[in-house]
Amino acid sequence: MGDPLCIETTEPALFAERLRQSMRASAISVSLITTRDQDGSFHGMAVTSANSLSFEPPSMMVAINRNASSHAVLLRSRAFCLNQIHSGQMEMLDLFCRSEMRDARFVSPDWQPGLHGLPWLRTAIASLFCHVEETHDYGSHTVFFGRIEDIRISPRIDNPDPLIWINGAPAQFEVAQGTRQRAAS
């Protein structure tokens, strides 16, 4: 007899549902990845699959579904900017989650061209400009490995309040009182 606190799953449909539930139970930071095509047009999408990879060399990795409209542009451009957004930017996130809003994504004057002409969001917590050095296809996604070439940070970096996603909805992040002081000691 199995552990009463653990539900074993072997049936494919139940396995898929359990996998979805377990993935949605993780709190994940939301970012906007942006790039530009050979004609200079900006492209972007919301991602929850971006992470720092190493400090030496300074690098990020992000997984993009090969069916996403930005995928082919990113493969050709070999450059992206990862814009870490804060909890007050739900409206901006909405623009990048809905394909019918594609034409409105870069209308805000908060978008500026940066390194290599890549669009970066001035109001983001931080924007990391990356050159794609390697890619790896796995399942339905391509993992892009980017060397960080430039970083823009906002004054929010000291109290970032990142946009967090959990269980299919936004959540707020709060640092426990005194945690920063203890960590710095």
Protein backbone atom coordinates (compact mmCIF):
# COMPACT_ATOMS: atom_id res chain seq x y z
CA MET A 1 0.00 0.00 0.00
CA GLY A 2 1.32 3.43 -0.93
CA ASP A 3 1.77 6.52 1.19
CA PRO A 4 -1.72 7.92 2.04
CA LEU A 5 -0.37 11.47 1.55
CA CYS A 6 0.93 10.68 -1.95
CA ILE A 7 -1.27 9.99 -4.96
CA GLU A 8 0.43 7.66 -7.42
CA THR A 9 -0.27 8.42 -11.05
CA THR A 10 0.20 6.12 -14.01
CA GLU A 11 -2.86 6.80 -16.22
CA PRO A 12 -1.81 9.34 -18.94
CA ALA A 13 -4.69 11.84 -18.57
CA LEU A 14 -4.36 11.86 -14.78
CA PHE A 15 -0.59 12.15 -15.09
CA ALA A 16 -0.99 15.24 -17.32
CA GLU A 17 -3.40 16.84 -14.83
CA ARG A 18 -1.10 16.11 -11.87
CA LEU A 19 1.85 17.56 -13.78
CA ARG A 20 -0.16 20.72 -14.53
CA GLN A 21 -1.16 21.00 -10.85
CA SER A 22 2.41 20.53 -9.62
CA MET A 23 3.81 23.12 -12.07
CA ARG A 24 1.13 25.65 -11.14
CA ALA A 25 1.97 25.23 -7.45
CA SER A 26 5.37 26.88 -7.96
CA ALA A 27 5.65 30.65 -7.55
CA ILE A 28 7.35 31.97 -10.68
CA SER A 29 8.56 35.42 -11.68
CA VAL A 30 7.05 36.83 -14.87
CA SER A 31 9.21 38.68 -17.41
CA LEU A 32 8.78 40.13 -20.87
CA ILE A 33 11.29 38.93 -23.43
CA THR A 34 11.78 41.29 -26.36
CA THR A 35 13.70 41.19 -29.61
CA ARG A 36 13.69 42.88 -33.01
CA ASP A 37 13.61 41.56 -36.54
CA GLN A 38 15.85 42.45 -39.47
CA ASP A 39 13.43 45.26 -40.46
CA GLY A 40 13.71 46.83 -36.99
CA SER A 41 10.21 45.84 -35.81
CA PHE A 42 9.90 44.95 -32.14
CA HIS A 43 8.58 41.57 -30.99
CA GLY A 44 7.95 40.18 -27.53
CA MET A 45 6.13 37.81 -25.25
CA ALA A 46 5.56 37.05 -21.58
CA VAL A 47 7.67 34.26 -20.10
CA THR A 48 7.87 32.40 -16.82
CA SER A 49 10.69 30.18 -18.03
CA ALA A 50 13.64 32.58 -17.70
CA ASN A 51 16.42 32.06 -15.18
CA SER A 52 19.93 33.16 -14.47
CA LEU A 53 22.40 30.52 -15.56
CA SER A 54 25.83 31.62 -14.33
CA PHE A 55 27.90 34.61 -13.31
CA GLU A 56 30.94 33.40 -15.25
CA PRO A 57 30.16 33.94 -18.01
CA PRO A 58 27.20 36.17 -17.10
CA SER A 59 24.28 34.37 -18.71
CA MET A 60 20.55 33.71 -18.78
CA MET A 61 18.46 30.94 -20.21
CA VAL A 62 14.89 31.11 -21.42
CA ALA A 63 12.64 28.42 -22.90
CA ILE A 64 10.34 29.48 -25.75
CA ASN A 65 7.65 27.33 -27.35
CA ARG A 66 8.52 26.77 -31.01
CA ASN A 67 4.92 27.68 -31.95
CA ALA A 68 5.25 31.16 -30.38
CA SER A 69 5.33 34.00 -32.90
CA SER A 70 8.53 35.44 -31.37
CA HIS A 71 10.41 32.13 -31.64
CA ALA A 72 11.49 32.46 -35.29
CA VAL A 73 12.45 36.13 -34.82
CA LEU A 74 14.58 35.27 -31.79
CA LEU A 75 16.31 32.45 -33.69
CA ARG A 76 17.22 34.85 -36.52
CA SER A 77 18.14 37.88 -34.40
CA ARG A 78 20.23 35.91 -31.88
CA ALA A 79 19.56 38.65 -29.30
CA PHE A 80 16.95 39.36 -26.63
CA CYS A 81 16.22 41.62 -23.71
CA LEU A 82 14.69 40.12 -20.59
CA ASN A 83 12.55 42.75 -18.81
CA GLN A 84 11.75 41.78 -15.21
CA ILE A 85 8.39 43.39 -14.49
CA HIS A 86 6.83 44.37 -11.17
CA SER A 87 3.40 43.72 -9.66
CA GLY A 88 2.07 47.08 -10.87
CA GLN A 89 2.53 46.09 -14.51
CA MET A 90 -0.43 43.73 -15.00
CA GLU A 91 -1.76 45.86 -17.88
CA MET A 92 1.60 45.59 -19.65
CA LEU A 93 1.61 41.84 -19.06
CA ASP A 94 -1.89 41.58 -20.56
CA LEU A 95 -0.64 43.19 -23.80
CA PHE A 96 2.05 40.52 -24.12
CA CYS A 97 -0.28 37.60 -23.35
CA ARG A 98 -2.92 38.31 -25.97
CA SER A 99 -2.07 38.03 -29.66
CA GLU A 100 -4.86 40.43 -30.63
CA MET A 101 -3.02 43.13 -28.60
CA ARG A 102 0.26 42.64 -30.52
CA ASP A 103 0.07 46.08 -32.21
CA ALA A 104 -0.29 47.84 -28.82
CA ARG A 105 2.64 46.15 -27.07
CA PHE A 106 5.31 48.77 -27.75
CA VAL A 107 3.12 51.92 -27.90
CA SER A 108 4.06 53.10 -24.39
CA PRO A 109 6.85 55.72 -24.25
CA ASP A 110 8.39 53.53 -21.50
CA TRP A 111 9.80 51.32 -24.27
CA GLN A 112 13.19 52.51 -25.49
CA PRO A 113 15.69 51.06 -27.95
CA GLY A 114 18.79 49.80 -26.15
CA LEU A 115 21.83 47.68 -26.98
CA HIS A 116 21.59 46.31 -30.56
CA GLY A 117 18.31 48.25 -30.93
CA LEU A 118 16.53 45.83 -28.59
CA PRO A 119 13.45 47.25 -26.85
CA TRP A 120 13.78 47.63 -23.09
CA LEU A 121 11.14 48.75 -20.59
CA ARG A 122 12.32 51.76 -18.54
CA THR A 123 9.82 50.96 -15.76
CA ALA A 124 10.92 47.32 -15.37
CA ILE A 125 12.83 46.28 -12.26
CA ALA A 126 15.75 45.31 -14.48
CA SER A 127 16.39 44.71 -18.17
CA LEU A 128 19.12 42.30 -19.23
CA PHE A 129 20.42 42.45 -22.81
CA CYS A 130 21.62 39.08 -24.07
CA HIS A 131 23.36 37.68 -27.13
CA VAL A 132 22.24 34.13 -27.92
CA GLU A 133 25.29 31.90 -27.83
CA GLU A 134 23.58 28.50 -27.93
CA THR A 135 20.16 26.93 -28.38
CA HIS A 136 18.85 23.50 -27.51
CA ASP A 137 15.56 22.00 -28.66
CA TYR A 138 13.72 19.91 -26.11
CA GLY A 139 10.15 18.72 -26.52
CA SER A 140 7.97 21.60 -27.72
CA HIS A 141 10.48 24.30 -26.71
CA THR A 142 13.84 25.77 -27.59
CA VAL A 143 16.09 26.78 -24.72
CA PHE A 144 18.03 29.94 -25.58
CA PHE A 145 21.31 30.47 -23.72
CA GLY A 146 22.19 34.15 -23.75
CA ARG A 147 25.35 35.92 -22.59
CA ILE A 148 24.40 39.07 -20.69
CA GLU A 149 26.05 42.06 -22.40
CA ASP A 150 24.32 44.98 -20.66
CA ILE A 151 21.97 45.57 -17.72
CA ARG A 152 19.65 48.47 -16.97
CA ILE A 153 18.23 48.65 -13.47
CA SER A 154 15.59 50.95 -12.04
CA PRO A 155 15.45 52.47 -8.55
CA ARG A 156 12.91 49.68 -7.79
CA ILE A 157 15.83 47.24 -7.57
CA ASP A 158 16.14 47.99 -3.83
CA ASN A 159 12.50 47.00 -3.23
CA PRO A 160 11.65 45.06 -6.38
CA ASP A 161 8.09 43.72 -5.82
CA PRO A 162 8.32 41.35 -8.83
CA LEU A 163 5.23 40.14 -10.65
CA ILE A 164 4.79 36.58 -9.41
CA TRP A 165 2.51 33.96 -10.93
CA ILE A 166 1.14 30.99 -8.99
CA ASN A 167 -1.78 28.67 -9.66
CA GLY A 168 -2.67 30.54 -12.86
CA ALA A 169 -2.98 33.96 -11.21
CA PRO A 170 -0.83 36.88 -10.07
CA ALA A 171 0.41 36.94 -6.49
CA GLN A 172 2.25 39.48 -4.39
CA PHE A 173 5.64 38.85 -2.91
CA GLU A 174 6.55 40.21 0.51
CA VAL A 175 9.91 40.15 2.23
CA ALA A 176 9.63 39.24 5.91
CA GLN A 177 10.53 42.07 8.31
CA GLY A 178 14.23 42.20 9.11
CA THR A 179 15.20 39.58 6.50
CA ARG A 180 17.37 41.93 4.45
CA GLN A 181 19.29 43.17 7.50
CA ARG A 182 20.00 39.63 8.74
CA ALA A 183 21.07 38.48 5.28
CA ALA A 184 23.48 41.41 4.94
CA SER A 185 25.12 40.82 8.34
